[in-house]
C-alpha atoms as a PDB file:
ATOM      1  CA  MET A   1      84.690 103.870 110.620  1.00  0.00           C
ATOM      2  CA  VAL A   2      85.336 100.337 111.358  1.00  0.00           C
ATOM      3  CA  ILE A   3      88.980  99.260 109.900  1.00  0.00           C
ATOM      4  CA  GLY A   4      89.370  95.805 109.205  1.00  0.00           C
ATOM      5  CA  VAL A   5      92.946  94.156 109.201  1.00  0.00           C
ATOM      6  CA  MET A   6      93.118  90.821 107.711  1.00  0.00           C
ATOM      7  CA  GLY A   7      96.844  89.829 108.660  1.00  0.00           C
ATOM      8  CA  ALA A   8      98.993  90.813 111.039  1.00  0.00           C
ATOM      9  CA  GLY A   9     102.489  89.725 110.615  1.00  0.00           C
ATOM     10  CA  ARG A  10     105.344  91.940 109.727  1.00  0.00           C
ATOM     11  CA  LEU A  11     103.463  93.921 107.121  1.00  0.00           C
ATOM     12  CA  GLY A  12      99.988  93.954 108.585  1.00  0.00           C
ATOM     13  CA  GLY A  13     101.832  94.626 111.898  1.00  0.00           C
ATOM     14  CA  ALA A  14     103.104  97.745 110.693  1.00  0.00           C
ATOM     15  CA  VAL A  15     100.369  98.782 108.762  1.00  0.00           C
ATOM     16  CA  LEU A  16      98.171  98.619 112.137  1.00  0.00           C
ATOM     17  CA  ALA A  17     100.872 100.463 114.174  1.00  0.00           C
ATOM     18  CA  GLY A  18     100.481 103.332 111.531  1.00  0.00           C
ATOM     19  CA  LEU A  19      96.993 103.601 111.336  1.00  0.00           C
ATOM     20  CA  LEU A  20      97.381 103.902 115.845  1.00  0.00           C
ATOM     21  CA  ALA A  21     100.202 105.888 115.251  1.00  0.00           C
ATOM     22  CA  SER A  22      98.077 108.455 112.944  1.00  0.00           C
ATOM     23  CA  GLY A  23      95.056 108.760 115.564  1.00  0.00           C
ATOM     24  CA  HIS A  24      92.459 105.890 114.807  1.00  0.00           C
ATOM     25  CA  ALA A  25      91.317 104.295 118.043  1.00  0.00           C
ATOM     26  CA  ALA A  26      92.376 100.659 118.797  1.00  0.00           C
ATOM     27  CA  GLY A  27      88.403 100.016 119.258  1.00  0.00           C
ATOM     28  CA  ASP A  28      88.002 100.909 115.694  1.00  0.00           C
ATOM     29  CA  ILE A  29      90.274  98.435 114.235  1.00  0.00           C
ATOM     30  CA  ILE A  30      89.486  94.629 114.679  1.00  0.00           C
ATOM     31  CA  VAL A  31      92.244  92.426 113.296  1.00  0.00           C
ATOM     32  CA  ALA A  32      92.098  88.642 111.900  1.00  0.00           C
ATOM     33  CA  GLU A  33      95.200  86.573 112.332  1.00  0.00           C
ATOM     34  CA  LYS A  34      94.978  82.833 111.970  1.00  0.00           C
ATOM     35  CA  ASP A  35      98.491  82.393 113.995  1.00  0.00           C
ATOM     36  CA  ALA A  36      97.334  82.062 117.236  1.00  0.00           C
ATOM     37  CA  ALA A  37     100.644  83.476 119.092  1.00  0.00           C
ATOM     38  CA  ARG A  38     101.018  85.982 116.695  1.00  0.00           C
ATOM     39  CA  ALA A  39      96.891  86.846 117.153  1.00  0.00           C
ATOM     40  CA  ALA A  40      97.925  87.262 120.985  1.00  0.00           C
ATOM     41  CA  ASP A  41     101.013  89.360 120.433  1.00  0.00           C
ATOM     42  CA  VAL A  42      98.991  91.676 118.409  1.00  0.00           C
ATOM     43  CA  ALA A  43      96.309  92.051 120.609  1.00  0.00           C
ATOM     44  CA  ASP A  44      98.624  92.835 123.596  1.00  0.00           C
ATOM     45  CA  GLN A  45     100.957  94.971 121.994  1.00  0.00           C
ATOM     46  CA  HIS A  46      98.016  97.257 120.305  1.00  0.00           C
ATOM     47  CA  GLY A  47      94.966  96.708 122.191  1.00  0.00           C
ATOM     48  CA  VAL A  48      93.007  95.665 119.355  1.00  0.00           C
ATOM     49  CA  VAL A  49      90.719  92.847 119.320  1.00  0.00           C
ATOM     50  CA  VAL A  50      91.132  89.691 117.266  1.00  0.00           C
ATOM     51  CA  HIS A  51      88.347  87.882 115.231  1.00  0.00           C
ATOM     52  CA  PRO A  52      87.830  84.883 112.403  1.00  0.00           C
ATOM     53  CA  PRO A  53      88.137  86.757 109.289  1.00  0.00           C
ATOM     54  CA  THR A  54      84.037  86.354 108.558  1.00  0.00           C
ATOM     55  CA  VAL A  55      83.534  88.339 111.500  1.00  0.00           C
ATOM     56  CA  VAL A  56      85.961  90.858 110.406  1.00  0.00           C
ATOM     57  CA  ALA A  57      84.309  91.313 107.178  1.00  0.00           C
ATOM     58  CA  ALA A  58      81.151  91.397 108.343  1.00  0.00           C
ATOM     59  CA  ARG A  59      81.829  94.372 110.903  1.00  0.00           C
ATOM     60  CA  ALA A  60      84.570  96.351 109.295  1.00  0.00           C
ATOM     61  CA  ASP A  61      83.809  99.274 106.789  1.00  0.00           C
ATOM     62  CA  VAL A  62      87.349  98.863 105.262  1.00  0.00           C
ATOM     63  CA  LEU A  63      89.147  95.904 104.741  1.00  0.00           C
ATOM     64  CA  LEU A  64      92.995  95.880 104.512  1.00  0.00           C
ATOM     65  CA  ILE A  65      94.027  92.798 103.310  1.00  0.00           C
ATOM     66  CA  VAL A  66      97.789  91.975 104.084  1.00  0.00           C
ATOM     67  CA  VAL A  67      98.019  88.405 103.548  1.00  0.00           C
ATOM     68  CA  LYS A  68     100.695  86.721 101.152  1.00  0.00           C
ATOM     69  CA  PRO A  69      99.452  86.583  97.770  1.00  0.00           C
ATOM     70  CA  GLN A  70      99.185  82.905  97.833  1.00  0.00           C
ATOM     71  CA  ASP A  71      96.169  83.175 100.482  1.00  0.00           C
ATOM     72  CA  VAL A  72      94.026  85.526  98.877  1.00  0.00           C
ATOM     73  CA  THR A  73      91.795  84.080  96.956  1.00  0.00           C
ATOM     74  CA  VAL A  74      91.280  81.434  99.979  1.00  0.00           C
ATOM     75  CA  LEU A  75      90.390  84.298 102.042  1.00  0.00           C
ATOM     76  CA  LEU A  76      88.512  86.089  99.790  1.00  0.00           C
ATOM     77  CA  THR A  77      86.268  83.006  99.137  1.00  0.00           C
ATOM     78  CA  GLU A  78      86.077  82.736 103.008  1.00  0.00           C
ATOM     79  CA  ILE A  79      84.560  86.057 103.406  1.00  0.00           C
ATOM     80  CA  ALA A  80      82.634  87.200 100.137  1.00  0.00           C
ATOM     81  CA  PRO A  81      79.357  86.061 101.636  1.00  0.00           C
ATOM     82  CA  GLN A  82      80.167  88.957 104.122  1.00  0.00           C
ATOM     83  CA  VAL A  83      81.595  91.810 102.169  1.00  0.00           C
ATOM     84  CA  GLY A  84      78.901  93.934 101.138  1.00  0.00           C
ATOM     85  CA  ALA A  85      79.013  96.190  98.141  1.00  0.00           C
ATOM     86  CA  GLY A  86      79.496  99.276 100.040  1.00  0.00           C
ATOM     87  CA  THR A  87      83.043  97.995 102.063  1.00  0.00           C
ATOM     88  CA  LEU A  88      86.213  99.128 100.733  1.00  0.00           C
ATOM     89  CA  VAL A  89      88.738  96.507 100.052  1.00  0.00           C
ATOM     90  CA  VAL A  90      92.262  97.722  99.694  1.00  0.00           C
ATOM     91  CA  SER A  91      94.891  94.880  98.836  1.00  0.00           C
ATOM     92  CA  LEU A  92      98.328  94.992  99.826  1.00  0.00           C
ATOM     93  CA  ALA A  93      98.702  91.795  98.252  1.00  0.00           C
ATOM     94  CA  ALA A  94     101.712  91.806  95.639  1.00  0.00           C
ATOM     95  CA  GLY A  95     100.646  90.992  91.884  1.00  0.00           C
ATOM     96  CA  VAL A  96      97.308  90.301  92.641  1.00  0.00           C
ATOM     97  CA  THR A  97      94.878  92.496  90.313  1.00  0.00           C
ATOM     98  CA  THR A  98      91.776  94.457  91.054  1.00  0.00           C
ATOM     99  CA  THR A  99      90.147  92.118  88.592  1.00  0.00           C
ATOM    100  CA  ALA A 100      91.186  88.959  90.499  1.00  0.00           C
ATOM    101  CA  ILE A 101      89.555  90.384  93.630  1.00  0.00           C
ATOM    102  CA  GLU A 102      86.786  91.764  92.248  1.00  0.00           C
ATOM    103  CA  GLN A 103      86.142  87.882  90.854  1.00  0.00           C
ATOM    104  CA  CYS A 104      85.919  86.855  94.434  1.00  0.00           C
ATOM    105  CA  LEU A 105      83.602  89.319  95.797  1.00  0.00           C
ATOM    106  CA  PRO A 106      79.931  88.769  94.519  1.00  0.00           C
ATOM    107  CA  SER A 107      78.609  91.677  95.959  1.00  0.00           C
ATOM    108  CA  ARG A 108      81.487  94.004  93.678  1.00  0.00           C
ATOM    109  CA  PRO A 109      82.795  96.410  96.324  1.00  0.00           C
ATOM    110  CA  PRO A 110      84.992  98.996  95.133  1.00  0.00           C
ATOM    111  CA  VAL A 111      88.661  97.275  95.432  1.00  0.00           C
ATOM    112  CA  ILE A 112      91.992  99.384  95.622  1.00  0.00           C
ATOM    113  CA  ARG A 113      95.260  97.638  94.789  1.00  0.00           C
ATOM    114  CA  VAL A 114      98.519  99.149  96.819  1.00  0.00           C
ATOM    115  CA  MET A 115     101.963  98.332  96.017  1.00  0.00           C
ATOM    116  CA  THR A 116     104.163  99.498  98.909  1.00  0.00           C
ATOM    117  CA  ASN A 117     107.784  98.170 100.355  1.00  0.00           C
ATOM    118  CA  THR A 118     109.220  97.108 103.145  1.00  0.00           C
ATOM    119  CA  PRO A 119     110.735 100.554 104.580  1.00  0.00           C
ATOM    120  CA  LEU A 120     106.875 100.592 105.346  1.00  0.00           C
ATOM    121  CA  LEU A 121     108.401  98.845 108.749  1.00  0.00           C
ATOM    122  CA  ILE A 122     109.823 102.460 109.589  1.00  0.00           C
ATOM    123  CA  GLY A 123     107.066 104.291 108.388  1.00  0.00           C
ATOM    124  CA  GLU A 124     109.112 105.741 105.168  1.00  0.00           C
ATOM    125  CA  ALA A 125     107.348 103.286 102.470  1.00  0.00           C
ATOM    126  CA  MET A 126     106.857 104.464  98.895  1.00  0.00           C
ATOM    127  CA  SER A 127     103.209 103.151  98.222  1.00  0.00           C
ATOM    128  CA  ALA A 128     101.133 103.460  94.821  1.00  0.00           C
ATOM    129  CA  ILE A 129      97.571 102.894  94.537  1.00  0.00           C
ATOM    130  CA  CYS A 130      95.242 102.287  91.771  1.00  0.00           C
ATOM    131  CA  ALA A 131      91.355 101.898  91.344  1.00  0.00           C
ATOM    132  CA  GLY A 132      89.276  98.696  90.900  1.00  0.00           C
ATOM    133  CA  GLN A 133      86.671  98.843  88.338  1.00  0.00           C
ATOM    134  CA  HIS A 134      83.810  99.820  91.038  1.00  0.00           C
ATOM    135  CA  ALA A 135      86.156 102.048  92.956  1.00  0.00           C
ATOM    136  CA  GLY A 136      86.180 106.171  92.816  1.00  0.00           C
ATOM    137  CA  GLN A 137      87.760 109.314  93.813  1.00  0.00           C
ATOM    138  CA  GLU A 138      86.587 108.865  97.212  1.00  0.00           C
ATOM    139  CA  HIS A 139      87.700 105.589  97.854  1.00  0.00           C
ATOM    140  CA  LEU A 140      90.958 106.305  96.480  1.00  0.00           C
ATOM    141  CA  ALA A 141      91.247 109.361  98.685  1.00  0.00           C
ATOM    142  CA  THR A 142      90.270 106.878 101.640  1.00  0.00           C
ATOM    143  CA  ALA A 143      93.114 104.600 100.773  1.00  0.00           C
ATOM    144  CA  GLU A 144      95.995 107.661 100.526  1.00  0.00           C
ATOM    145  CA  ALA A 145      94.429 108.660 104.002  1.00  0.00           C
ATOM    146  CA  LEU A 146      94.878 105.716 105.355  1.00  0.00           C
ATOM    147  CA  LEU A 147      98.619 104.771 104.138  1.00  0.00           C
ATOM    148  CA  ALA A 148      99.885 108.346 104.422  1.00  0.00           C
ATOM    149  CA  PRO A 149     100.911 107.766 108.142  1.00  0.00           C
ATOM    150  CA  VAL A 150     103.870 104.796 107.042  1.00  0.00           C
ATOM    151  CA  GLY A 151     105.137 106.822 104.118  1.00  0.00           C
ATOM    152  CA  GLN A 152     104.337 108.559 100.613  1.00  0.00           C
ATOM    153  CA  VAL A 153     101.446 107.838  98.212  1.00  0.00           C
ATOM    154  CA  ALA A 154     101.118 108.107  94.459  1.00  0.00           C
ATOM    155  CA  ARG A 155      98.056 107.033  92.612  1.00  0.00           C
ATOM    156  CA  VAL A 156      99.003 104.906  89.631  1.00  0.00           C
ATOM    157  CA  GLY A 157      96.860 103.205  86.642  1.00  0.00           C
ATOM    158  CA  GLU A 158      97.187  99.661  87.523  1.00  0.00           C
ATOM    159  CA  ALA A 159      99.174  99.083  83.983  1.00  0.00           C
ATOM    160  CA  GLN A 160     101.912 101.094  85.739  1.00  0.00           C
ATOM    161  CA  LEU A 161     102.221  98.638  88.829  1.00  0.00           C
ATOM    162  CA  ASP A 162     104.844  96.011  87.028  1.00  0.00           C
ATOM    163  CA  ALA A 163     106.863  99.156  86.551  1.00  0.00           C
ATOM    164  CA  VAL A 164     105.977  99.975  89.949  1.00  0.00           C
ATOM    165  CA  THR A 165     107.062  97.212  91.450  1.00  0.00           C
ATOM    166  CA  ALA A 166     110.461  96.698  89.883  1.00  0.00           C
ATOM    167  CA  LEU A 167     111.018 100.373  90.867  1.00  0.00           C
ATOM    168  CA  SER A 168     109.866 100.602  94.483  1.00  0.00           C
ATOM    169  CA  GLY A 169     108.947  97.708  95.146  1.00  0.00           C
ATOM    170  CA  SER A 170     111.699  95.641  94.333  1.00  0.00           C
ATOM    171  CA  GLY A 171     113.833  98.797  95.240  1.00  0.00           C
ATOM    172  CA  PRO A 172     115.253  98.724  98.442  1.00  0.00           C
ATOM    173  CA  ALA A 173     116.627  95.272  97.427  1.00  0.00           C
ATOM    174  CA  TYR A 174     119.068  96.785  94.647  1.00  0.00           C
ATOM    175  CA  PHE A 175     120.052  99.645  97.304  1.00  0.00           C
ATOM    176  CA  PHE A 176     120.543  97.090 100.096  1.00  0.00           C
ATOM    177  CA  TYR A 177     122.839  94.823  97.484  1.00  0.00           C
ATOM    178  CA  LEU A 178     124.808  98.284  96.568  1.00  0.00           C
ATOM    179  CA  VAL A 179     125.275  99.447  99.900  1.00  0.00           C
ATOM    180  CA  GLU A 180     126.758  95.650 100.850  1.00  0.00           C
ATOM    181  CA  ALA A 181     129.147  96.076  97.699  1.00  0.00           C
ATOM    182  CA  LEU A 182     130.741  99.266  98.991  1.00  0.00           C
ATOM    183  CA  VAL A 183     130.561  98.045 102.650  1.00  0.00           C
ATOM    184  CA  GLU A 184     132.873  95.088 101.338  1.00  0.00           C
ATOM    185  CA  ALA A 185     134.976  97.721  99.462  1.00  0.00           C
ATOM    186  CA  GLY A 186     135.797  99.541 102.259  1.00  0.00           C
ATOM    187  CA  VAL A 187     136.776  96.435 104.061  1.00  0.00           C
ATOM    188  CA  LEU A 188     139.028  95.421 100.926  1.00  0.00           C
ATOM    189  CA  LEU A 189     140.598  99.199 101.517  1.00  0.00           C
ATOM    190  CA  GLY A 190     141.670  98.210 105.081  1.00  0.00           C
ATOM    191  CA  LEU A 191     138.616  99.913 106.816  1.00  0.00           C
ATOM    192  CA  PRO A 192     136.978  98.194 110.230  1.00  0.00           C
ATOM    193  CA  ARG A 193     133.591  96.674 108.982  1.00  0.00           C
ATOM    194  CA  ALA A 194     131.828  98.504 111.525  1.00  0.00           C
ATOM    195  CA  LEU A 195     133.345 101.568 110.194  1.00  0.00           C
ATOM    196  CA  ALA A 196     132.890 100.713 106.880  1.00  0.00           C
ATOM    197  CA  THR A 197     129.129 100.322 107.601  1.00  0.00           C
ATOM    198  CA  GLN A 198     129.083 103.674 109.601  1.00  0.00           C
ATOM    199  CA  LEU A 199     130.292 105.579 106.789  1.00  0.00           C
ATOM    200  CA  VAL A 200     128.120 103.853 103.932  1.00  0.00           C
ATOM    201  CA  THR A 201     124.949 103.851 105.539  1.00  0.00           C
ATOM    202  CA  GLN A 202     125.123 107.574 106.557  1.00  0.00           C
ATOM    203  CA  THR A 203     126.249 108.526 103.170  1.00  0.00           C
ATOM    204  CA  ALA A 204     123.135 106.521 101.558  1.00  0.00           C
ATOM    205  CA  THR A 205     120.535 108.707 104.042  1.00  0.00           C
ATOM    206  CA  GLY A 206     122.071 112.155 103.160  1.00  0.00           C
ATOM    207  CA  SER A 207     122.169 111.529  99.663  1.00  0.00           C
ATOM    208  CA  ALA A 208     118.750 110.456  99.970  1.00  0.00           C
ATOM    209  CA  LEU A 209     117.712 113.544 101.866  1.00  0.00           C
ATOM    210  CA  MET A 210     119.273 115.767  99.808  1.00  0.00           C
ATOM    211  CA  LEU A 211     117.490 114.245  96.709  1.00  0.00           C
ATOM    212  CA  ARG A 212     114.371 114.604  98.445  1.00  0.00           C
ATOM    213  CA  GLU A 213     114.882 117.884 100.150  1.00  0.00           C
ATOM    214  CA  THR A 214     116.443 119.806  97.224  1.00  0.00           C
ATOM    215  CA  GLY A 215     114.100 118.587  94.539  1.00  0.00           C
ATOM    216  CA  GLU A 216     117.166 118.623  91.877  1.00  0.00           C
ATOM    217  CA  HIS A 217     117.856 116.365  89.450  1.00  0.00           C
ATOM    218  CA  PRO A 218     120.437 113.394  90.399  1.00  0.00           C
ATOM    219  CA  ALA A 219     122.670 114.486  87.511  1.00  0.00           C
ATOM    220  CA  LEU A 220     123.088 117.720  88.814  1.00  0.00           C
ATOM    221  CA  LEU A 221     123.556 116.573  92.659  1.00  0.00           C
ATOM    222  CA  ARG A 222     126.391 113.759  91.257  1.00  0.00           C
ATOM    223  CA  GLU A 223     128.039 116.295  88.859  1.00  0.00           C
ATOM    224  CA  ALA A 224     128.515 118.846  92.406  1.00  0.00           C
ATOM    225  CA  VAL A 225     130.631 115.978  94.050  1.00  0.00           C
ATOM    226  CA  SER A 226     132.602 115.463  90.903  1.00  0.00           C
ATOM    227  CA  SER A 227     135.668 117.575  90.365  1.00  0.00           C
ATOM    228  CA  PRO A 228     137.644 117.680  87.259  1.00  0.00           C
ATOM    229  CA  ALA A 229     140.577 114.892  87.551  1.00  0.00           C
ATOM    230  CA  GLY A 230     139.258 114.099  90.808  1.00  0.00           C
ATOM    231  CA  THR A 231     138.574 111.067  92.677  1.00  0.00           C
ATOM    232  CA  THR A 232     134.874 110.940  91.774  1.00  0.00           C
ATOM    233  CA  ILE A 233     135.268 111.241  88.086  1.00  0.00           C
ATOM    234  CA  ALA A 234     137.904 107.992  88.248  1.00  0.00           C
ATOM    235  CA  ALA A 235     135.570 106.029  90.055  1.00  0.00           C
ATOM    236  CA  LEU A 236     132.441 106.890  87.726  1.00  0.00           C
ATOM    237  CA  ARG A 237     134.562 106.007  84.829  1.00  0.00           C
ATOM    238  CA  GLN A 238     134.969 102.831  86.086  1.00  0.00           C
ATOM    239  CA  LEU A 239     131.345 102.326  86.829  1.00  0.00           C
ATOM    240  CA  ASP A 240     130.682 103.174  83.407  1.00  0.00           C
ATOM    241  CA  ARG A 241     132.978 100.671  82.113  1.00  0.00           C
ATOM    242  CA  ALA A 242     131.661  97.885  83.774  1.00  0.00           C
ATOM    243  CA  ALA A 243     127.936  99.282  82.447  1.00  0.00           C
ATOM    244  CA  VAL A 244     126.392  99.808  85.748  1.00  0.00           C
ATOM    245  CA  ARG A 245     123.620 101.806  84.857  1.00  0.00           C
ATOM    246  CA  ALA A 246     122.447  99.577  81.919  1.00  0.00           C
ATOM    247  CA  ALA A 247     122.967  96.575  84.398  1.00  0.00           C
ATOM    248  CA  LEU A 248     120.461  98.722  86.742  1.00  0.00           C
ATOM    249  CA  MET A 249     117.908  99.219  83.755  1.00  0.00           C
ATOM    250  CA  ASP A 250     118.224  95.676  82.750  1.00  0.00           C
ATOM    251  CA  ALA A 251     117.306  94.271  86.176  1.00  0.00           C
ATOM    252  CA  CYS A 252     114.337  96.481  86.328  1.00  0.00           C
ATOM    253  CA  GLN A 253     112.793  95.258  83.128  1.00  0.00           C
ATOM    254  CA  ALA A 254     113.391  91.791  84.679  1.00  0.00           C
ATOM    255  CA  ALA A 255     111.545  92.583  87.583  1.00  0.00           C
ATOM    256  CA  SER A 256     108.723  93.948  85.624  1.00  0.00           C
ATOM    257  CA  ASP A 257     108.726  91.153  83.561  1.00  0.00           C
ATOM    258  CA  ARG A 258     108.461  88.794  86.182  1.00  0.00           C
ATOM    259  CA  SER A 259     105.882  91.094  88.202  1.00  0.00           C
ATOM    260  CA  ARG A 260     103.751  90.703  85.429  1.00  0.00           C
ATOM    261  CA  GLU A 261     104.240  86.595  84.759  1.00  0.00           C
ATOM    262  CA  LEU A 262     102.947  86.343  88.532  1.00  0.00           C
ATOM    263  CA  GLY A 263     100.071  88.621  87.890  1.00  0.00           C
ATOM    264  CA  GLN A 264      99.070  86.554  84.854  1.00  0.00           C
ATOM    265  CA  ALA A 265      99.344  83.335  86.862  1.00  0.00           C
END
């Protein structure tokens, strides 16, 4: 199977590294990248060959579309004559629907849409995938296999992707926002910034791993830290007074609404 990676920026480069790390041979991967300097770096670093988009589209069995959303239509229009009905098109372009992609490709290939997030850069992505009109279970399985080396993968309906975007696509920003606030709180309380950053970062990492490894409901893990009349319950009361829970839910709703608007545009 020849895999074509259309776009080798940060996200495309991370996908490429994940493919190679999972055992795909460099000779089975071809890349299209319009930035000459970046193309040279990718070729030197990973040992892959860089071709024009039309060449990649003609040779690849699977096309990974990893360009900016605003560039997708231009790219697909350029390569449409080379994309056959048997080519699997996997798009990681945020907000671009399977219908929009299919309309650019007269051969009606199977299309899989992916919503991932930035932890993909360190192999810890959360990716959600959905199938277009001409894609079946075997195409979803192929997409899962390609994305598994860089994180976890879930199958969803396309109608759920706006919610996925709001929760996990934008989710890393929420965590970084909260971590930043906690670090500033540590500084306010008299801790050196480097120590406050270390304390918060490791606490966040450990807490996330506890959620994943134990499988317990977050409320139970929170209760285990909240001793009667203790420091934690006093802090949680302040968070409830500030309606932090409601603010997070409102933030996700706003992100979902915006994702829907961008998709329609």
